[in-house]
N, C-alpha and C. Protein backbone atom coordinates (compact mmCIF):
# COMPACT_ATOMS: atom_id res chain seq x y z
N UNK A 1 93.05 56.05 97.07
CA UNK A 1 93.60 57.12 98.16
C UNK A 1 94.11 58.10 97.51
N UNK A 2 95.44 57.35 96.57
CA UNK A 2 96.19 57.91 96.04
C UNK A 2 95.73 59.27 94.70
N UNK A 3 94.73 58.81 94.32
CA UNK A 3 94.31 59.31 92.98
C UNK A 3 93.49 60.57 93.59
N UNK A 4 92.45 60.21 94.54
CA UNK A 4 91.41 61.27 94.96
C UNK A 4 92.20 62.32 95.80
N UNK A 5 93.53 62.34 96.31
CA UNK A 5 94.27 63.02 96.70
C UNK A 5 94.75 64.19 95.35
N UNK A 6 95.31 63.25 94.59
CA UNK A 6 95.82 64.11 93.17
C UNK A 6 94.74 64.80 92.66
N UNK A 7 93.24 64.33 92.61
CA UNK A 7 92.17 64.99 92.01
C UNK A 7 92.16 66.33 92.56
N UNK A 8 92.35 66.23 94.12
CA UNK A 8 92.02 67.38 94.67
C UNK A 8 92.96 68.84 94.93
N UNK A 9 94.28 67.86 94.84
CA UNK A 9 95.28 69.04 94.28
C UNK A 9 95.23 69.69 92.92
N UNK A 10 94.86 69.13 91.98
CA UNK A 10 94.95 69.31 90.61
C UNK A 10 93.61 70.43 90.77
N UNK A 11 92.57 69.93 91.36
CA UNK A 11 91.50 70.70 91.30
C UNK A 11 91.75 72.11 92.04
N UNK A 12 92.55 71.98 93.24
CA UNK A 12 92.90 73.20 94.15
C UNK A 12 93.79 74.21 92.94
N UNK A 13 95.00 73.37 92.79
CA UNK A 13 95.77 74.23 91.75
C UNK A 13 95.09 75.04 90.63
N UNK A 14 93.99 74.63 89.78
CA UNK A 14 93.41 75.25 89.00
C UNK A 14 92.49 76.46 89.20
N UNK A 15 91.99 76.09 90.41
CA UNK A 15 91.41 77.02 91.19
C UNK A 15 92.00 78.19 91.34
N UNK A 16 93.58 78.17 91.76
CA UNK A 16 94.30 79.03 92.26
C UNK A 16 94.79 79.63 90.70
N UNK A 17 95.02 78.73 90.07
CA UNK A 17 95.36 79.87 88.76
C UNK A 17 94.83 80.78 88.32
N UNK A 18 92.87 80.13 88.45
CA UNK A 18 92.18 81.16 87.30
C UNK A 18 91.80 82.20 88.14
N UNK A 19 91.96 82.32 89.41
CA UNK A 19 91.93 83.37 90.65
C UNK A 19 93.06 84.40 90.37
N UNK A 20 94.06 84.00 89.67
CA UNK A 20 95.23 84.70 89.57
C UNK A 20 95.28 85.72 88.11
N UNK A 21 94.53 84.68 87.35
CA UNK A 21 94.50 84.92 85.92
C UNK A 21 93.24 86.07 85.63
N UNK A 22 92.27 85.80 86.54
CA UNK A 22 91.07 86.68 86.53
C UNK A 22 91.78 88.20 87.07
N UNK A 23 92.09 88.37 88.06
CA UNK A 23 92.79 89.34 88.84
C UNK A 23 93.82 90.35 87.96
N UNK A 24 94.64 89.56 87.41
CA UNK A 24 95.63 89.68 86.32
C UNK A 24 94.73 90.52 85.04
N UNK A 25 93.76 89.77 84.72
CA UNK A 25 92.68 90.38 83.79
C UNK A 25 92.14 91.96 83.66
N UNK A 26 91.67 91.94 85.19
CA UNK A 26 90.91 92.81 85.65
C UNK A 26 91.82 93.87 86.44
N UNK A 27 92.99 93.50 87.06
CA UNK A 27 93.60 94.44 87.85
C UNK A 27 93.10 94.84 89.17
N UNK A 28 93.59 95.57 89.91
CA UNK A 28 93.12 96.26 91.20
C UNK A 28 91.62 97.23 90.93
N UNK A 29 90.95 97.31 91.66
CA UNK A 29 89.74 97.96 91.32
C UNK A 29 90.06 99.55 91.32
N UNK A 30 89.40 100.40 90.45
CA UNK A 30 90.02 101.64 90.57
C UNK A 30 89.84 102.37 91.74
N UNK A 31 90.35 103.57 92.15
CA UNK A 31 90.31 104.29 93.34
C UNK A 31 89.18 105.13 93.10
N UNK A 32 88.45 105.59 94.59
CA UNK A 32 86.69 105.81 94.48
C UNK A 32 86.83 106.98 94.43
N UNK A 33 86.09 107.65 93.78
CA UNK A 33 85.40 108.89 93.33
C UNK A 33 86.05 110.22 94.35
N UNK A 34 86.41 111.20 94.07
CA UNK A 34 86.82 112.25 95.09
C UNK A 34 86.73 113.66 94.47
N UNK A 35 85.46 114.63 95.19
CA UNK A 35 85.37 115.63 94.48
C UNK A 35 86.18 116.78 95.15
N UNK A 36 86.63 117.61 94.10
CA UNK A 36 87.65 118.64 94.43
C UNK A 36 86.88 120.06 94.27
N UNK A 37 87.07 121.03 94.78
CA UNK A 37 86.42 122.29 94.59
C UNK A 37 87.54 123.26 95.03
N UNK A 38 87.60 123.97 93.90
CA UNK A 38 88.87 124.95 93.82
C UNK A 38 89.21 126.06 95.18
N UNK A 39 88.01 126.74 95.17
CA UNK A 39 87.84 128.13 96.27
C UNK A 39 86.57 127.49 97.05
N UNK A 40 86.89 127.49 98.26
CA UNK A 40 85.53 126.88 99.06
C UNK A 40 84.52 128.36 99.21
N UNK A 41 85.18 129.61 99.10
CA UNK A 41 84.50 130.70 99.38
C UNK A 41 84.61 131.63 97.91
N UNK A 42 83.13 132.70 97.63
CA UNK A 42 83.51 133.47 96.62
C UNK A 42 82.98 134.79 96.84
N UNK A 43 83.81 135.76 96.58
CA UNK A 43 83.30 137.13 97.06
C UNK A 43 82.48 137.57 95.86
N UNK A 44 81.59 138.35 96.29
CA UNK A 44 80.92 138.74 94.92
C UNK A 44 80.81 140.05 95.35
N UNK A 45 81.36 140.50 96.26
CA UNK A 45 81.42 142.13 96.15
C UNK A 45 79.93 142.73 96.81
N UNK A 46 79.37 143.91 96.45
CA UNK A 46 78.42 144.66 96.63
C UNK A 46 77.58 144.21 96.04
N UNK A 47 76.41 143.60 96.56
CA UNK A 47 75.32 143.18 95.32
C UNK A 47 74.01 144.04 95.82
N UNK A 48 73.27 145.00 94.69
CA UNK A 48 72.03 145.67 95.18
C UNK A 48 71.15 144.92 95.00
N UNK A 49 70.04 144.94 95.81
CA UNK A 49 68.89 144.44 95.64
C UNK A 49 67.91 144.33 94.22
N UNK A 50 67.87 143.20 93.81
CA UNK A 50 67.44 143.00 92.00
C UNK A 50 68.35 142.41 91.18
N UNK A 51 69.68 142.93 91.61
CA UNK A 51 70.99 142.38 91.14
C UNK A 51 71.03 140.76 91.07
N UNK A 52 71.37 140.11 89.94
CA UNK A 52 71.63 138.63 90.39
C UNK A 52 73.24 138.50 89.79
N UNK A 53 73.70 138.15 90.75
CA UNK A 53 75.33 138.13 91.44
C UNK A 53 75.34 136.62 90.16
N UNK A 54 76.73 136.84 89.70
CA UNK A 54 77.29 135.68 89.19
C UNK A 54 78.72 135.05 89.58
N UNK A 55 79.07 134.02 90.19
CA UNK A 55 80.20 133.42 90.20
C UNK A 55 80.55 132.45 89.63
N UNK A 56 81.73 131.90 89.52
CA UNK A 56 82.29 130.76 88.35
C UNK A 56 83.14 130.22 89.59
N UNK A 57 83.02 128.48 89.52
CA UNK A 57 83.97 128.08 90.67
C UNK A 57 84.30 126.76 89.82
N UNK A 58 85.50 125.98 89.63
CA UNK A 58 85.74 125.25 89.30
C UNK A 58 85.79 123.56 90.08
N UNK A 59 84.49 122.55 90.08
CA UNK A 59 84.40 121.32 90.15
C UNK A 59 85.49 120.35 89.64
N UNK A 60 86.11 119.52 90.28
CA UNK A 60 87.04 118.30 89.59
C UNK A 60 86.60 116.95 90.46
N UNK A 61 86.82 115.67 89.56
CA UNK A 61 86.75 114.66 90.23
C UNK A 61 88.21 114.46 89.86
N UNK A 62 89.23 114.46 91.43
CA UNK A 62 90.01 114.01 91.11
C UNK A 62 90.68 112.54 91.81
N UNK A 63 89.62 111.58 91.50
CA UNK A 63 89.61 110.33 92.13
C UNK A 63 90.01 109.17 91.02
N UNK A 64 89.73 108.24 90.97
CA UNK A 64 90.13 107.41 89.82
C UNK A 64 88.89 106.95 89.31
N UNK A 65 87.71 106.74 89.55
CA UNK A 65 86.23 106.29 89.24
C UNK A 65 84.96 107.81 88.75
N UNK A 66 84.30 107.36 88.29
CA UNK A 66 83.34 108.27 88.16
C UNK A 66 82.71 108.87 89.01
N UNK A 67 82.53 110.14 89.06
CA UNK A 67 81.76 110.76 89.93
C UNK A 67 80.45 111.35 89.72
N UNK A 68 79.42 110.63 90.64
CA UNK A 68 78.33 111.19 90.31
C UNK A 68 77.46 112.09 91.05
N UNK A 69 77.25 113.34 90.73
CA UNK A 69 76.37 114.43 91.53
C UNK A 69 74.61 113.87 91.26
N UNK A 70 74.36 113.23 92.52
CA UNK A 70 72.77 112.97 92.36
C UNK A 70 71.97 114.45 92.68
N UNK A 71 72.38 114.89 93.50
CA UNK A 71 71.55 115.73 94.03
C UNK A 71 71.96 117.06 94.63
N UNK A 72 71.66 118.12 94.33
CA UNK A 72 72.28 119.40 94.76
C UNK A 72 71.14 120.36 95.41
N UNK A 73 71.92 120.86 96.50
CA UNK A 73 71.10 122.08 97.18
C UNK A 73 71.69 123.63 97.43
N UNK A 74 70.64 124.66 97.08
CA UNK A 74 71.57 125.72 97.79
C UNK A 74 71.94 125.55 99.36
N UNK A 75 72.92 126.65 99.58
CA UNK A 75 73.09 126.22 101.16
C UNK A 75 73.39 127.86 101.27
């Protein structure tokens, strides 16, 4: 019985050590992506028919992981 318990303890310790080692190698997961738009409105001024107004705004990923923009619709 003593050998069996000793093996179980050794296997348990080895498993725990491998888990700690794997976590230390990869670190915690990155923070999720987060979209930030500097301005939520844009004043285009007076626009006449046929004119194509142009506006620029900054879009940034302030999160920790890669941000993927998969679909965009005008609103």
